[in-house]
Amino acid sequence: MSEPQHAYAWQMTQWQDLQRLISAERLPHALLLAGPSAIGKLRFAKALVSYLLCESPGDLAACGQCRSCHFQGEAAHPDFKEICPEEGKRQIGVDQVRSLQHFSAQHAHRNGGRKLVLIHPAEAMNANTANALLKTLEEPASGTLLILVSHSSSQLLPTIRSRCLQLSFGIPRPEMTESWLRDYVGDQSTAQRLLAETGGRPLAARQVFEEDGLASRERFDKGLIALVDGQRSPLQFAEEMLDADILQVLDWWVARLLSLSRHQLADQVLTAESWQRFKAVPSVSVIQGLERALKLRASFSRGVALNKRLILESLFLEWTQLCQNRAVS
C-alpha cells in the first residue's frame, strides 16, 4: 500500500478553503481546479479524492490504512472514476463521459459515502464530449462530486464553468518551490535556473531536468542564432527541429518570448543571455508571438491535427523577418 498523496506545500491555501467547505457540509456537486499547467493541480485533485473517500481522514490527507484507502491503492475503488485521454490519444472520448450517467446512478459502496469523478485535462473534451458532460452537470446525481482539472479554463464552455465552483491556482512563490526542487535536483542554482526557464512552474521544472531539457533549449537557442545570422534558412531550421517533440519546442519558444516580454516591459533579467540581441524586436510583436505560441501549444496538447512542419516554418520565417526589419545582429 503506497502512502496517501498530500497536496503540495504551496497549495495549502486552496486545501484549507476546501476543508472549510467540507466541515460545513457545503461542497458543491462540481469543482473546477483551474490554473497554469505543471503546478500540481492533478496531485491536489487526487489528494482530495483520497481524502473524501477515506473512512478516517486526518487534517491533511487520507489515513492510508482503512479499507477505502486500500481500494484506492489497488486502483480499484468502486466509488471513484477517472476520465482522461486514453493511451495514445490526446482527447477525451464522448463515450467516456457518457459512462458517467451509469456510474452516478449506482449507490455508493459505503453507506452515506460519495461517488467521485476526476476529469483531466478538462479542455481535452471536444464539443460533443463537452455537451455530454454538460448534461451530467445540469442534472447532478445526489452524492456525486465531479472534479475537473483545467490548464486553460477559458477554453471550456461557459455553461460548464458556470456550473462548477472554481478553485484558482497561480504560479507558486519561488521561496515555496525552490527548496522542494533543490532537494530533487541536488543544487540550488540549478533549481533556480530550472524555475526561471519554466516560468516558476515546479513540475515543469522537474520535467525539464529529467529530460535534460536545459541542454535541448541551449541547442534550440544556438540554432535560432544561426538562423538570424543567415547561416541557415527558416525552412532548414524547421527541418532540424522536426525530430524534437513539438510541445518541447513550443515550451522553449513560449519561455523565451515570455522572458523577452518581461525584460522589455519590466526590465527583468533575460533567461537566456543569447536573446539580448532580440531586445529591439517590437514588444507588441513579441506579445503577439507569445499569444500565438500559447494557442498552438494548447491545440497540440488537445490533439488537434496541425502540420508540425508548416507551423515551425511559419514561426521561424516570421521571426527572421522581424529581426531583419529591426536589423538585429
C-alpha atoms as a PDB file:
ATOM      1  CA  MET A   1       0.000   0.000   0.000  1.00  0.00           C
ATOM      2  CA  SER A   2       1.557   3.310  -1.079  1.00  0.00           C
ATOM      3  CA  GLU A   3       1.486   6.358   1.149  1.00  0.00           C
ATOM      4  CA  PRO A   4      -1.548   8.604   0.542  1.00  0.00           C
ATOM      5  CA  GLN A   5      -0.808  11.700  -1.502  1.00  0.00           C
ATOM      6  CA  HIS A   6      -0.720  15.106   0.143  1.00  0.00           C
ATOM      7  CA  ALA A   7      -1.319  18.386  -1.588  1.00  0.00           C
ATOM      8  CA  TYR A   8       1.912  20.281  -2.179  1.00  0.00           C
ATOM      9  CA  ALA A   9       3.010  22.806   0.461  1.00  0.00           C
ATOM     10  CA  TRP A  10       2.268  25.702  -1.895  1.00  0.00           C
ATOM     11  CA  GLN A  11      -1.360  24.551  -2.195  1.00  0.00           C
ATOM     12  CA  MET A  12      -2.272  24.826   1.469  1.00  0.00           C
ATOM     13  CA  THR A  13      -4.465  27.921   0.976  1.00  0.00           C
ATOM     14  CA  GLN A  14      -6.712  26.086  -1.501  1.00  0.00           C
ATOM     15  CA  TRP A  15      -6.684  22.964   0.682  1.00  0.00           C
ATOM     16  CA  GLN A  16      -7.829  24.953   3.707  1.00  0.00           C
ATOM     17  CA  ASP A  17     -10.575  26.624   1.659  1.00  0.00           C
ATOM     18  CA  LEU A  18     -11.945  23.200   0.766  1.00  0.00           C
ATOM     19  CA  GLN A  19     -11.569  21.962   4.329  1.00  0.00           C
ATOM     20  CA  ARG A  20     -13.910  24.729   5.460  1.00  0.00           C
ATOM     21  CA  LEU A  21     -16.484  23.732   2.849  1.00  0.00           C
ATOM     22  CA  ILE A  22     -16.195  20.064   3.822  1.00  0.00           C
ATOM     23  CA  SER A  23     -16.571  20.862   7.530  1.00  0.00           C
ATOM     24  CA  ALA A  24     -19.645  22.977   6.798  1.00  0.00           C
ATOM     25  CA  GLU A  25     -21.018  20.249   4.509  1.00  0.00           C
ATOM     26  CA  ARG A  26     -21.198  22.790   1.692  1.00  0.00           C
ATOM     27  CA  LEU A  27     -19.225  21.007  -1.014  1.00  0.00           C
ATOM     28  CA  PRO A  28     -20.841  21.645  -4.429  1.00  0.00           C
ATOM     29  CA  HIS A  29     -21.592  18.914  -6.950  1.00  0.00           C
ATOM     30  CA  ALA A  30     -18.744  20.067  -9.221  1.00  0.00           C
ATOM     31  CA  LEU A  31     -15.314  21.642  -8.673  1.00  0.00           C
ATOM     32  CA  LEU A  32     -13.092  23.227 -11.307  1.00  0.00           C
ATOM     33  CA  LEU A  33      -9.403  23.348 -10.394  1.00  0.00           C
ATOM     34  CA  ALA A  34      -8.032  25.969 -12.764  1.00  0.00           C
ATOM     35  CA  GLY A  35      -4.584  27.400 -13.312  1.00  0.00           C
ATOM     36  CA  PRO A  36      -1.370  27.030 -15.311  1.00  0.00           C
ATOM     37  CA  SER A  37      -0.123  23.569 -16.185  1.00  0.00           C
ATOM     38  CA  ALA A  38       2.601  21.768 -14.231  1.00  0.00           C
ATOM     39  CA  ILE A  39       1.972  23.361 -10.841  1.00  0.00           C
ATOM     40  CA  GLY A  40       0.406  20.317  -9.172  1.00  0.00           C
ATOM     41  CA  LYS A  41      -3.352  20.632  -9.696  1.00  0.00           C
ATOM     42  CA  LEU A  42      -3.741  16.941 -10.575  1.00  0.00           C
ATOM     43  CA  ARG A  43      -1.838  15.929  -7.440  1.00  0.00           C
ATOM     44  CA  PHE A  44      -4.161  18.205  -5.450  1.00  0.00           C
ATOM     45  CA  ALA A  45      -7.226  16.632  -7.065  1.00  0.00           C
ATOM     46  CA  LYS A  46      -6.075  13.089  -6.322  1.00  0.00           C
ATOM     47  CA  ALA A  47      -5.233  14.022  -2.744  1.00  0.00           C
ATOM     48  CA  LEU A  48      -8.756  15.418  -2.413  1.00  0.00           C
ATOM     49  CA  VAL A  49     -10.293  12.252  -3.872  1.00  0.00           C
ATOM     50  CA  SER A  50      -8.339  10.104  -1.419  1.00  0.00           C
ATOM     51  CA  TYR A  51      -9.324  12.354   1.462  1.00  0.00           C
ATOM     52  CA  LEU A  52     -13.029  12.296   0.620  1.00  0.00           C
ATOM     53  CA  LEU A  53     -13.117   8.534   0.144  1.00  0.00           C
ATOM     54  CA  CYS A  54     -11.118   7.780   3.292  1.00  0.00           C
ATOM     55  CA  GLU A  55     -13.006   6.426   6.297  1.00  0.00           C
ATOM     56  CA  SER A  56     -10.675   8.092   8.847  1.00  0.00           C
ATOM     57  CA  PRO A  57      -9.020  11.123   7.211  1.00  0.00           C
ATOM     58  CA  GLY A  58      -6.585  13.366   9.070  1.00  0.00           C
ATOM     59  CA  ASP A  59      -6.245  17.108   8.618  1.00  0.00           C
ATOM     60  CA  LEU A  60      -4.029  16.971   5.541  1.00  0.00           C
ATOM     61  CA  ALA A  61      -4.515  13.573   3.922  1.00  0.00           C
ATOM     62  CA  ALA A  62      -6.254  10.212   3.899  1.00  0.00           C
ATOM     63  CA  CYS A  63      -5.213   7.752   6.597  1.00  0.00           C
ATOM     64  CA  GLY A  64      -3.750   5.256   4.142  1.00  0.00           C
ATOM     65  CA  GLN A  65      -4.878   2.337   6.318  1.00  0.00           C
ATOM     66  CA  CYS A  66      -8.653   1.913   6.017  1.00  0.00           C
ATOM     67  CA  ARG A  67     -10.356  -0.416   3.551  1.00  0.00           C
ATOM     68  CA  SER A  68     -11.257   2.503   1.288  1.00  0.00           C
ATOM     69  CA  CYS A  69      -7.610   3.602   1.121  1.00  0.00           C
ATOM     70  CA  HIS A  70      -6.564   0.048   0.276  1.00  0.00           C
ATOM     71  CA  PHE A  71      -9.082   0.044  -2.575  1.00  0.00           C
ATOM     72  CA  GLN A  72      -7.506   3.223  -3.885  1.00  0.00           C
ATOM     73  CA  GLY A  73      -4.013   1.814  -3.594  1.00  0.00           C
ATOM     74  CA  GLU A  74      -5.107  -1.037  -5.820  1.00  0.00           C
ATOM     75  CA  ALA A  75      -6.694   1.442  -8.271  1.00  0.00           C
ATOM     76  CA  ALA A  76      -9.995  -0.371  -7.853  1.00  0.00           C
ATOM     77  CA  HIS A  77     -12.217   1.814  -5.706  1.00  0.00           C
ATOM     78  CA  PRO A  78     -15.832   1.286  -6.813  1.00  0.00           C
ATOM     79  CA  ASP A  79     -16.825   4.858  -5.878  1.00  0.00           C
ATOM     80  CA  PHE A  80     -14.151   6.556  -7.976  1.00  0.00           C
ATOM     81  CA  LYS A  81     -13.920   7.082 -11.720  1.00  0.00           C
ATOM     82  CA  GLU A  82     -11.045   8.816 -13.509  1.00  0.00           C
ATOM     83  CA  ILE A  83     -11.561  10.170 -17.015  1.00  0.00           C
ATOM     84  CA  CYS A  84      -8.620  11.312 -19.109  1.00  0.00           C
ATOM     85  CA  PRO A  85      -7.433  10.749 -22.682  1.00  0.00           C
ATOM     86  CA  GLU A  86      -6.901   7.080 -23.374  1.00  0.00           C
ATOM     87  CA  GLU A  87      -3.401   5.818 -24.092  1.00  0.00           C
ATOM     88  CA  GLY A  88      -2.088   7.175 -27.379  1.00  0.00           C
ATOM     89  CA  LYS A  89      -4.785   9.860 -27.575  1.00  0.00           C
ATOM     90  CA  ARG A  90      -4.952  13.496 -26.562  1.00  0.00           C
ATOM     91  CA  GLN A  91      -8.707  13.922 -26.434  1.00  0.00           C
ATOM     92  CA  ILE A  92     -11.312  12.549 -24.045  1.00  0.00           C
ATOM     93  CA  GLY A  93     -13.855  10.420 -25.915  1.00  0.00           C
ATOM     94  CA  VAL A  94     -17.558  11.134 -25.755  1.00  0.00           C
ATOM     95  CA  ASP A  95     -18.301   7.558 -24.652  1.00  0.00           C
ATOM     96  CA  GLN A  96     -16.014   8.032 -21.648  1.00  0.00           C
ATOM     97  CA  VAL A  97     -18.166  10.929 -20.456  1.00  0.00           C
ATOM     98  CA  ARG A  98     -21.447   9.236 -21.296  1.00  0.00           C
ATOM     99  CA  SER A  99     -20.455   6.379 -18.981  1.00  0.00           C
ATOM    100  CA  LEU A 100     -20.831   8.820 -16.083  1.00  0.00           C
ATOM    101  CA  GLN A 101     -24.601   8.534 -16.170  1.00  0.00           C
ATOM    102  CA  HIS A 102     -24.485   4.829 -15.315  1.00  0.00           C
ATOM    103  CA  PHE A 103     -21.712   5.355 -12.732  1.00  0.00           C
ATOM    104  CA  SER A 104     -23.576   8.183 -10.978  1.00  0.00           C
ATOM    105  CA  ALA A 105     -26.812   6.197 -10.865  1.00  0.00           C
ATOM    106  CA  GLN A 106     -25.231   3.450  -8.772  1.00  0.00           C
ATOM    107  CA  HIS A 107     -25.282   3.574  -4.976  1.00  0.00           C
ATOM    108  CA  ALA A 108     -22.045   4.422  -3.209  1.00  0.00           C
ATOM    109  CA  HIS A 109     -20.057   1.454  -1.917  1.00  0.00           C
ATOM    110  CA  ARG A 110     -20.107   2.921   1.603  1.00  0.00           C
ATOM    111  CA  ASN A 111     -23.364   3.882   3.273  1.00  0.00           C
ATOM    112  CA  GLY A 112     -23.691   7.637   3.075  1.00  0.00           C
ATOM    113  CA  GLY A 113     -20.489   7.844   1.062  1.00  0.00           C
ATOM    114  CA  ARG A 114     -19.695   9.912  -2.002  1.00  0.00           C
ATOM    115  CA  LYS A 115     -19.014   8.907  -5.568  1.00  0.00           C
ATOM    116  CA  LEU A 116     -16.154  10.887  -7.091  1.00  0.00           C
ATOM    117  CA  VAL A 117     -15.280  11.611 -10.708  1.00  0.00           C
ATOM    118  CA  LEU A 118     -11.978  13.158 -11.791  1.00  0.00           C
ATOM    119  CA  ILE A 119     -11.750  14.604 -15.316  1.00  0.00           C
ATOM    120  CA  HIS A 120      -8.401  15.890 -16.591  1.00  0.00           C
ATOM    121  CA  PRO A 121      -7.467  17.889 -18.501  1.00  0.00           C
ATOM    122  CA  ALA A 122     -10.989  19.223 -18.956  1.00  0.00           C
ATOM    123  CA  GLU A 123     -10.032  21.156 -22.101  1.00  0.00           C
ATOM    124  CA  ALA A 124      -9.265  17.837 -23.809  1.00  0.00           C
ATOM    125  CA  MET A 125     -13.000  17.477 -24.492  1.00  0.00           C
ATOM    126  CA  ASN A 126     -14.304  18.353 -27.966  1.00  0.00           C
ATOM    127  CA  ALA A 127     -17.720  19.965 -28.463  1.00  0.00           C
ATOM    128  CA  ASN A 128     -19.654  16.678 -28.405  1.00  0.00           C
ATOM    129  CA  THR A 129     -17.862  15.451 -25.285  1.00  0.00           C
ATOM    130  CA  ALA A 130     -18.326  18.779 -23.514  1.00  0.00           C
ATOM    131  CA  ASN A 131     -22.045  18.750 -24.266  1.00  0.00           C
ATOM    132  CA  ALA A 132     -22.327  15.216 -22.904  1.00  0.00           C
ATOM    133  CA  LEU A 133     -20.687  16.376 -19.676  1.00  0.00           C
ATOM    134  CA  LEU A 134     -22.999  19.372 -19.538  1.00  0.00           C
ATOM    135  CA  LYS A 135     -25.997  17.038 -19.306  1.00  0.00           C
ATOM    136  CA  THR A 136     -24.462  15.433 -16.216  1.00  0.00           C
ATOM    137  CA  LEU A 137     -23.718  18.838 -14.690  1.00  0.00           C
ATOM    138  CA  GLU A 138     -27.241  20.088 -15.367  1.00  0.00           C
ATOM    139  CA  GLU A 139     -28.788  17.077 -13.618  1.00  0.00           C
ATOM    140  CA  PRO A 140     -26.252  16.196 -10.913  1.00  0.00           C
ATOM    141  CA  ALA A 141     -26.732  12.909  -9.106  1.00  0.00           C
ATOM    142  CA  SER A 142     -27.045  13.163  -5.347  1.00  0.00           C
ATOM    143  CA  GLY A 143     -23.809  12.250  -3.574  1.00  0.00           C
ATOM    144  CA  THR A 144     -21.626  12.521  -6.691  1.00  0.00           C
ATOM    145  CA  LEU A 145     -18.817  15.074  -6.881  1.00  0.00           C
ATOM    146  CA  LEU A 146     -17.196  15.922 -10.215  1.00  0.00           C
ATOM    147  CA  ILE A 147     -13.667  17.356 -10.091  1.00  0.00           C
ATOM    148  CA  LEU A 148     -12.444  18.980 -13.297  1.00  0.00           C
ATOM    149  CA  VAL A 149      -8.786  19.921 -13.711  1.00  0.00           C
ATOM    150  CA  SER A 150      -8.050  22.528 -16.357  1.00  0.00           C
ATOM    151  CA  HIS A 151      -4.858  24.215 -17.516  1.00  0.00           C
ATOM    152  CA  SER A 152      -6.845  26.597 -19.730  1.00  0.00           C
ATOM    153  CA  SER A 153     -10.330  27.057 -18.318  1.00  0.00           C
ATOM    154  CA  SER A 154     -11.171  29.799 -20.837  1.00  0.00           C
ATOM    155  CA  GLN A 155     -11.386  27.020 -23.452  1.00  0.00           C
ATOM    156  CA  LEU A 156     -14.222  25.325 -21.581  1.00  0.00           C
ATOM    157  CA  LEU A 157     -17.847  26.019 -22.382  1.00  0.00           C
ATOM    158  CA  PRO A 158     -19.102  28.957 -20.296  1.00  0.00           C
ATOM    159  CA  THR A 159     -22.040  26.772 -19.262  1.00  0.00           C
ATOM    160  CA  ILE A 160     -19.625  24.194 -17.834  1.00  0.00           C
ATOM    161  CA  ARG A 161     -17.647  26.810 -15.931  1.00  0.00           C
ATOM    162  CA  SER A 162     -20.831  28.352 -14.525  1.00  0.00           C
ATOM    163  CA  ARG A 163     -21.934  25.015 -13.042  1.00  0.00           C
ATOM    164  CA  CYS A 164     -18.694  24.456 -11.144  1.00  0.00           C
ATOM    165  CA  LEU A 165     -17.189  26.068  -8.085  1.00  0.00           C
ATOM    166  CA  GLN A 166     -13.834  27.301  -9.380  1.00  0.00           C
ATOM    167  CA  LEU A 167     -10.715  26.961  -7.270  1.00  0.00           C
ATOM    168  CA  SER A 168      -7.881  29.020  -8.753  1.00  0.00           C
ATOM    169  CA  PHE A 169      -4.220  28.049  -8.614  1.00  0.00           C
ATOM    170  CA  GLY A 170      -1.489  30.504  -9.547  1.00  0.00           C
ATOM    171  CA  ILE A 171       2.264  30.224 -10.036  1.00  0.00           C
ATOM    172  CA  PRO A 172       3.709  29.439  -6.580  1.00  0.00           C
ATOM    173  CA  ARG A 173       6.104  31.868  -4.929  1.00  0.00           C
ATOM    174  CA  PRO A 174       9.756  30.866  -5.568  1.00  0.00           C
ATOM    175  CA  GLU A 175      10.538  30.575  -1.877  1.00  0.00           C
ATOM    176  CA  MET A 176       7.920  27.819  -1.674  1.00  0.00           C
ATOM    177  CA  THR A 177       9.213  25.777  -4.613  1.00  0.00           C
ATOM    178  CA  GLU A 178      12.989  26.296  -4.720  1.00  0.00           C
ATOM    179  CA  SER A 179      13.725  24.111  -1.691  1.00  0.00           C
ATOM    180  CA  TRP A 180      11.389  21.371  -2.994  1.00  0.00           C
ATOM    181  CA  LEU A 181      13.123  21.379  -6.382  1.00  0.00           C
ATOM    182  CA  ARG A 182      16.601  21.714  -4.873  1.00  0.00           C
ATOM    183  CA  ASP A 183      16.051  18.517  -2.885  1.00  0.00           C
ATOM    184  CA  TYR A 184      15.182  16.788  -6.166  1.00  0.00           C
ATOM    185  CA  VAL A 185      17.934  18.136  -8.443  1.00  0.00           C
ATOM    186  CA  GLY A 186      20.587  18.456  -5.729  1.00  0.00           C
ATOM    187  CA  ASP A 187      21.662  22.030  -6.418  1.00  0.00           C
ATOM    188  CA  GLN A 188      20.173  25.430  -5.561  1.00  0.00           C
ATOM    189  CA  SER A 189      21.457  27.282  -8.633  1.00  0.00           C
ATOM    190  CA  THR A 190      20.173  24.555 -10.954  1.00  0.00           C
ATOM    191  CA  ALA A 191      16.797  24.689  -9.230  1.00  0.00           C
ATOM    192  CA  GLN A 192      16.647  28.450  -9.681  1.00  0.00           C
ATOM    193  CA  ARG A 193      17.604  28.197 -13.350  1.00  0.00           C
ATOM    194  CA  LEU A 194      15.015  25.489 -13.994  1.00  0.00           C
ATOM    195  CA  LEU A 195      12.269  27.566 -12.376  1.00  0.00           C
ATOM    196  CA  ALA A 196      13.330  30.600 -14.411  1.00  0.00           C
ATOM    197  CA  GLU A 197      13.212  28.519 -17.591  1.00  0.00           C
ATOM    198  CA  THR A 198       9.689  27.282 -16.850  1.00  0.00           C
ATOM    199  CA  GLY A 199       8.094  30.468 -15.574  1.00  0.00           C
ATOM    200  CA  GLY A 200       8.107  29.289 -11.961  1.00  0.00           C
ATOM    201  CA  ARG A 201       6.130  26.080 -12.600  1.00  0.00           C
ATOM    202  CA  PRO A 202       7.752  23.490 -10.314  1.00  0.00           C
ATOM    203  CA  LEU A 203       6.573  20.308 -12.042  1.00  0.00           C
ATOM    204  CA  ALA A 204       7.570  21.682 -15.445  1.00  0.00           C
ATOM    205  CA  ALA A 205      10.979  22.500 -13.977  1.00  0.00           C
ATOM    206  CA  ARG A 206      11.340  18.951 -12.689  1.00  0.00           C
ATOM    207  CA  GLN A 207      10.364  17.557 -16.085  1.00  0.00           C
ATOM    208  CA  VAL A 208      12.901  19.751 -17.889  1.00  0.00           C
ATOM    209  CA  PHE A 209      15.561  18.420 -15.518  1.00  0.00           C
ATOM    210  CA  GLU A 210      14.509  14.788 -16.078  1.00  0.00           C
ATOM    211  CA  GLU A 211      14.525  15.191 -19.855  1.00  0.00           C
ATOM    212  CA  ASP A 212      17.841  17.058 -19.927  1.00  0.00           C
ATOM    213  CA  GLY A 213      15.782  19.934 -21.259  1.00  0.00           C
ATOM    214  CA  LEU A 214      18.319  22.623 -20.396  1.00  0.00           C
ATOM    215  CA  ALA A 215      20.702  21.162 -22.963  1.00  0.00           C
ATOM    216  CA  SER A 216      17.893  20.964 -25.532  1.00  0.00           C
ATOM    217  CA  ARG A 217      16.974  24.611 -25.003  1.00  0.00           C
ATOM    218  CA  GLU A 218      20.594  25.658 -25.375  1.00  0.00           C
ATOM    219  CA  ARG A 219      20.680  23.742 -28.664  1.00  0.00           C
ATOM    220  CA  PHE A 220      17.480  25.445 -29.818  1.00  0.00           C
ATOM    221  CA  ASP A 221      18.947  28.842 -28.904  1.00  0.00           C
ATOM    222  CA  LYS A 222      22.107  28.166 -30.907  1.00  0.00           C
ATOM    223  CA  GLY A 223      20.040  27.107 -33.892  1.00  0.00           C
ATOM    224  CA  LEU A 224      17.977  30.299 -33.691  1.00  0.00           C
ATOM    225  CA  ILE A 225      21.095  32.473 -33.552  1.00  0.00           C
ATOM    226  CA  ALA A 226      22.459  30.665 -36.612  1.00  0.00           C
ATOM    227  CA  LEU A 227      19.134  31.360 -38.318  1.00  0.00           C
ATOM    228  CA  VAL A 228      19.164  35.128 -37.731  1.00  0.00           C
ATOM    229  CA  ASP A 229      22.857  35.225 -38.649  1.00  0.00           C
ATOM    230  CA  GLY A 230      21.951  33.833 -42.060  1.00  0.00           C
ATOM    231  CA  GLN A 231      23.750  30.529 -41.583  1.00  0.00           C
ATOM    232  CA  ARG A 232      20.544  28.622 -42.336  1.00  0.00           C
ATOM    233  CA  SER A 233      17.076  29.399 -43.683  1.00  0.00           C
ATOM    234  CA  PRO A 234      13.799  29.185 -41.743  1.00  0.00           C
ATOM    235  CA  LEU A 235      12.981  26.053 -43.747  1.00  0.00           C
ATOM    236  CA  GLN A 236      16.293  24.449 -42.810  1.00  0.00           C
ATOM    237  CA  PHE A 237      15.902  25.322 -39.138  1.00  0.00           C
ATOM    238  CA  ALA A 238      12.346  23.956 -39.114  1.00  0.00           C
ATOM    239  CA  GLU A 239      13.641  20.753 -40.713  1.00  0.00           C
ATOM    240  CA  GLU A 240      16.242  20.400 -37.947  1.00  0.00           C
ATOM    241  CA  MET A 241      13.565  20.841 -35.282  1.00  0.00           C
ATOM    242  CA  LEU A 242      11.222  18.170 -36.646  1.00  0.00           C
ATOM    243  CA  ASP A 243      12.941  15.464 -34.605  1.00  0.00           C
ATOM    244  CA  ALA A 244      12.148  17.315 -31.365  1.00  0.00           C
ATOM    245  CA  ASP A 245       8.805  16.926 -29.601  1.00  0.00           C
ATOM    246  CA  ILE A 246       6.588  19.813 -30.745  1.00  0.00           C
ATOM    247  CA  LEU A 247       5.423  20.516 -27.178  1.00  0.00           C
ATOM    248  CA  GLN A 248       9.040  20.708 -26.032  1.00  0.00           C
ATOM    249  CA  VAL A 249       9.812  23.160 -28.852  1.00  0.00           C
ATOM    250  CA  LEU A 250       6.767  25.289 -28.079  1.00  0.00           C
ATOM    251  CA  ASP A 251       7.596  25.261 -24.367  1.00  0.00           C
ATOM    252  CA  TRP A 252      11.023  26.678 -25.237  1.00  0.00           C
ATOM    253  CA  TRP A 253       9.537  29.264 -27.594  1.00  0.00           C
ATOM    254  CA  VAL A 254       6.906  30.361 -25.064  1.00  0.00           C
ATOM    255  CA  ALA A 255       9.512  30.578 -22.291  1.00  0.00           C
ATOM    256  CA  ARG A 256      11.852  32.695 -24.412  1.00  0.00           C
ATOM    257  CA  LEU A 257       9.145  35.085 -25.663  1.00  0.00           C
ATOM    258  CA  LEU A 258       7.750  35.467 -22.154  1.00  0.00           C
ATOM    259  CA  SER A 259      11.206  36.250 -20.784  1.00  0.00           C
ATOM    260  CA  LEU A 260      11.839  38.757 -23.587  1.00  0.00           C
ATOM    261  CA  SER A 261       8.494  40.452 -22.986  1.00  0.00           C
ATOM    262  CA  ARG A 262       9.159  40.753 -19.249  1.00  0.00           C
ATOM    263  CA  HIS A 263      12.587  42.181 -19.997  1.00  0.00           C
ATOM    264  CA  GLN A 264      11.157  44.780 -22.377  1.00  0.00           C
ATOM    265  CA  LEU A 265       8.223  45.800 -20.192  1.00  0.00           C
ATOM    266  CA  ALA A 266       9.551  45.318 -16.663  1.00  0.00           C
ATOM    267  CA  ASP A 267      13.346  45.211 -17.117  1.00  0.00           C
ATOM    268  CA  GLN A 268      13.551  41.666 -15.753  1.00  0.00           C
ATOM    269  CA  VAL A 269      16.696  39.651 -16.431  1.00  0.00           C
ATOM    270  CA  LEU A 270      16.544  37.570 -19.600  1.00  0.00           C
ATOM    271  CA  THR A 271      16.505  33.818 -19.035  1.00  0.00           C
ATOM    272  CA  ALA A 272      18.854  33.241 -21.994  1.00  0.00           C
ATOM    273  CA  GLU A 273      21.754  35.656 -22.465  1.00  0.00           C
ATOM    274  CA  SER A 274      21.809  34.994 -26.226  1.00  0.00           C
ATOM    275  CA  TRP A 275      18.388  36.659 -26.506  1.00  0.00           C
ATOM    276  CA  GLN A 276      19.906  40.035 -25.618  1.00  0.00           C
ATOM    277  CA  ARG A 277      20.203  40.655 -29.339  1.00  0.00           C
ATOM    278  CA  PHE A 278      16.422  40.488 -29.738  1.00  0.00           C
ATOM    279  CA  LYS A 279      15.662  43.392 -27.386  1.00  0.00           C
ATOM    280  CA  ALA A 280      14.926  45.654 -30.362  1.00  0.00           C
ATOM    281  CA  VAL A 281      12.107  43.441 -31.660  1.00  0.00           C
ATOM    282  CA  PRO A 282       8.882  45.449 -31.057  1.00  0.00           C
ATOM    283  CA  SER A 283       7.247  44.466 -27.775  1.00  0.00           C
ATOM    284  CA  VAL A 284       3.861  44.317 -29.497  1.00  0.00           C
ATOM    285  CA  SER A 285       5.220  41.718 -31.916  1.00  0.00           C
ATOM    286  CA  VAL A 286       6.715  39.733 -29.045  1.00  0.00           C
ATOM    287  CA  ILE A 287       3.381  39.661 -27.204  1.00  0.00           C
ATOM    288  CA  GLN A 288       1.508  38.683 -30.368  1.00  0.00           C
ATOM    289  CA  GLY A 289       4.007  35.895 -30.988  1.00  0.00           C
ATOM    290  CA  LEU A 290       3.620  34.720 -27.406  1.00  0.00           C
ATOM    291  CA  GLU A 291      -0.178  34.606 -27.676  1.00  0.00           C
ATOM    292  CA  ARG A 292       0.057  32.620 -30.908  1.00  0.00           C
ATOM    293  CA  ALA A 293       2.554  30.174 -29.395  1.00  0.00           C
ATOM    294  CA  LEU A 294       0.327  29.602 -26.367  1.00  0.00           C
ATOM    295  CA  LYS A 295      -2.666  28.869 -28.605  1.00  0.00           C
ATOM    296  CA  LEU A 296      -0.591  26.482 -30.719  1.00  0.00           C
ATOM    297  CA  ARG A 297       0.632  24.669 -27.633  1.00  0.00           C
ATOM    298  CA  ALA A 298      -2.908  24.336 -26.330  1.00  0.00           C
ATOM    299  CA  SER A 299      -4.062  22.961 -29.683  1.00  0.00           C
ATOM    300  CA  PHE A 300      -1.283  20.379 -29.888  1.00  0.00           C
ATOM    301  CA  SER A 301      -1.962  19.396 -26.259  1.00  0.00           C
ATOM    302  CA  ARG A 302      -5.621  18.756 -27.113  1.00  0.00           C
ATOM    303  CA  GLY A 303      -4.620  16.567 -30.031  1.00  0.00           C
ATOM    304  CA  VAL A 304      -5.721  18.944 -32.774  1.00  0.00           C
ATOM    305  CA  ALA A 305      -4.265  17.765 -36.098  1.00  0.00           C
ATOM    306  CA  LEU A 306      -1.855  20.501 -37.186  1.00  0.00           C
ATOM    307  CA  ASN A 307       1.040  20.348 -39.633  1.00  0.00           C
ATOM    308  CA  LYS A 308       4.142  20.490 -37.453  1.00  0.00           C
ATOM    309  CA  ARG A 309       6.469  21.400 -40.319  1.00  0.00           C
ATOM    310  CA  LEU A 310       4.322  24.283 -41.560  1.00  0.00           C
ATOM    311  CA  ILE A 311       3.874  25.625 -38.032  1.00  0.00           C
ATOM    312  CA  LEU A 312       7.625  25.703 -37.388  1.00  0.00           C
ATOM    313  CA  GLU A 313       8.407  27.166 -40.802  1.00  0.00           C
ATOM    314  CA  SER A 314       5.875  29.940 -40.207  1.00  0.00           C
ATOM    315  CA  LEU A 315       7.180  30.748 -36.718  1.00  0.00           C
ATOM    316  CA  PHE A 316      10.801  30.974 -37.795  1.00  0.00           C
ATOM    317  CA  LEU A 317      10.069  32.859 -41.026  1.00  0.00           C
ATOM    318  CA  GLU A 318       8.109  35.497 -39.107  1.00  0.00           C
ATOM    319  CA  TRP A 319      10.861  35.817 -36.516  1.00  0.00           C
ATOM    320  CA  THR A 320      13.527  36.195 -39.200  1.00  0.00           C
ATOM    321  CA  GLN A 321      11.524  38.975 -40.854  1.00  0.00           C
ATOM    322  CA  LEU A 322      11.042  40.765 -37.518  1.00  0.00           C
ATOM    323  CA  CYS A 323      14.775  40.609 -36.865  1.00  0.00           C
ATOM    324  CA  GLN A 324      15.642  41.820 -40.356  1.00  0.00           C
ATOM    325  CA  ASN A 325      13.239  44.746 -40.065  1.00  0.00           C
ATOM    326  CA  ARG A 326      14.989  45.787 -36.854  1.00  0.00           C
ATOM    327  CA  ALA A 327      18.450  44.931 -38.156  1.00  0.00           C
ATOM    328  CA  VAL A 328      19.101  42.553 -35.276  1.00  0.00           C
ATOM    329  CA  SER A 329      22.717  41.465 -35.186  1.00  0.00           C
END
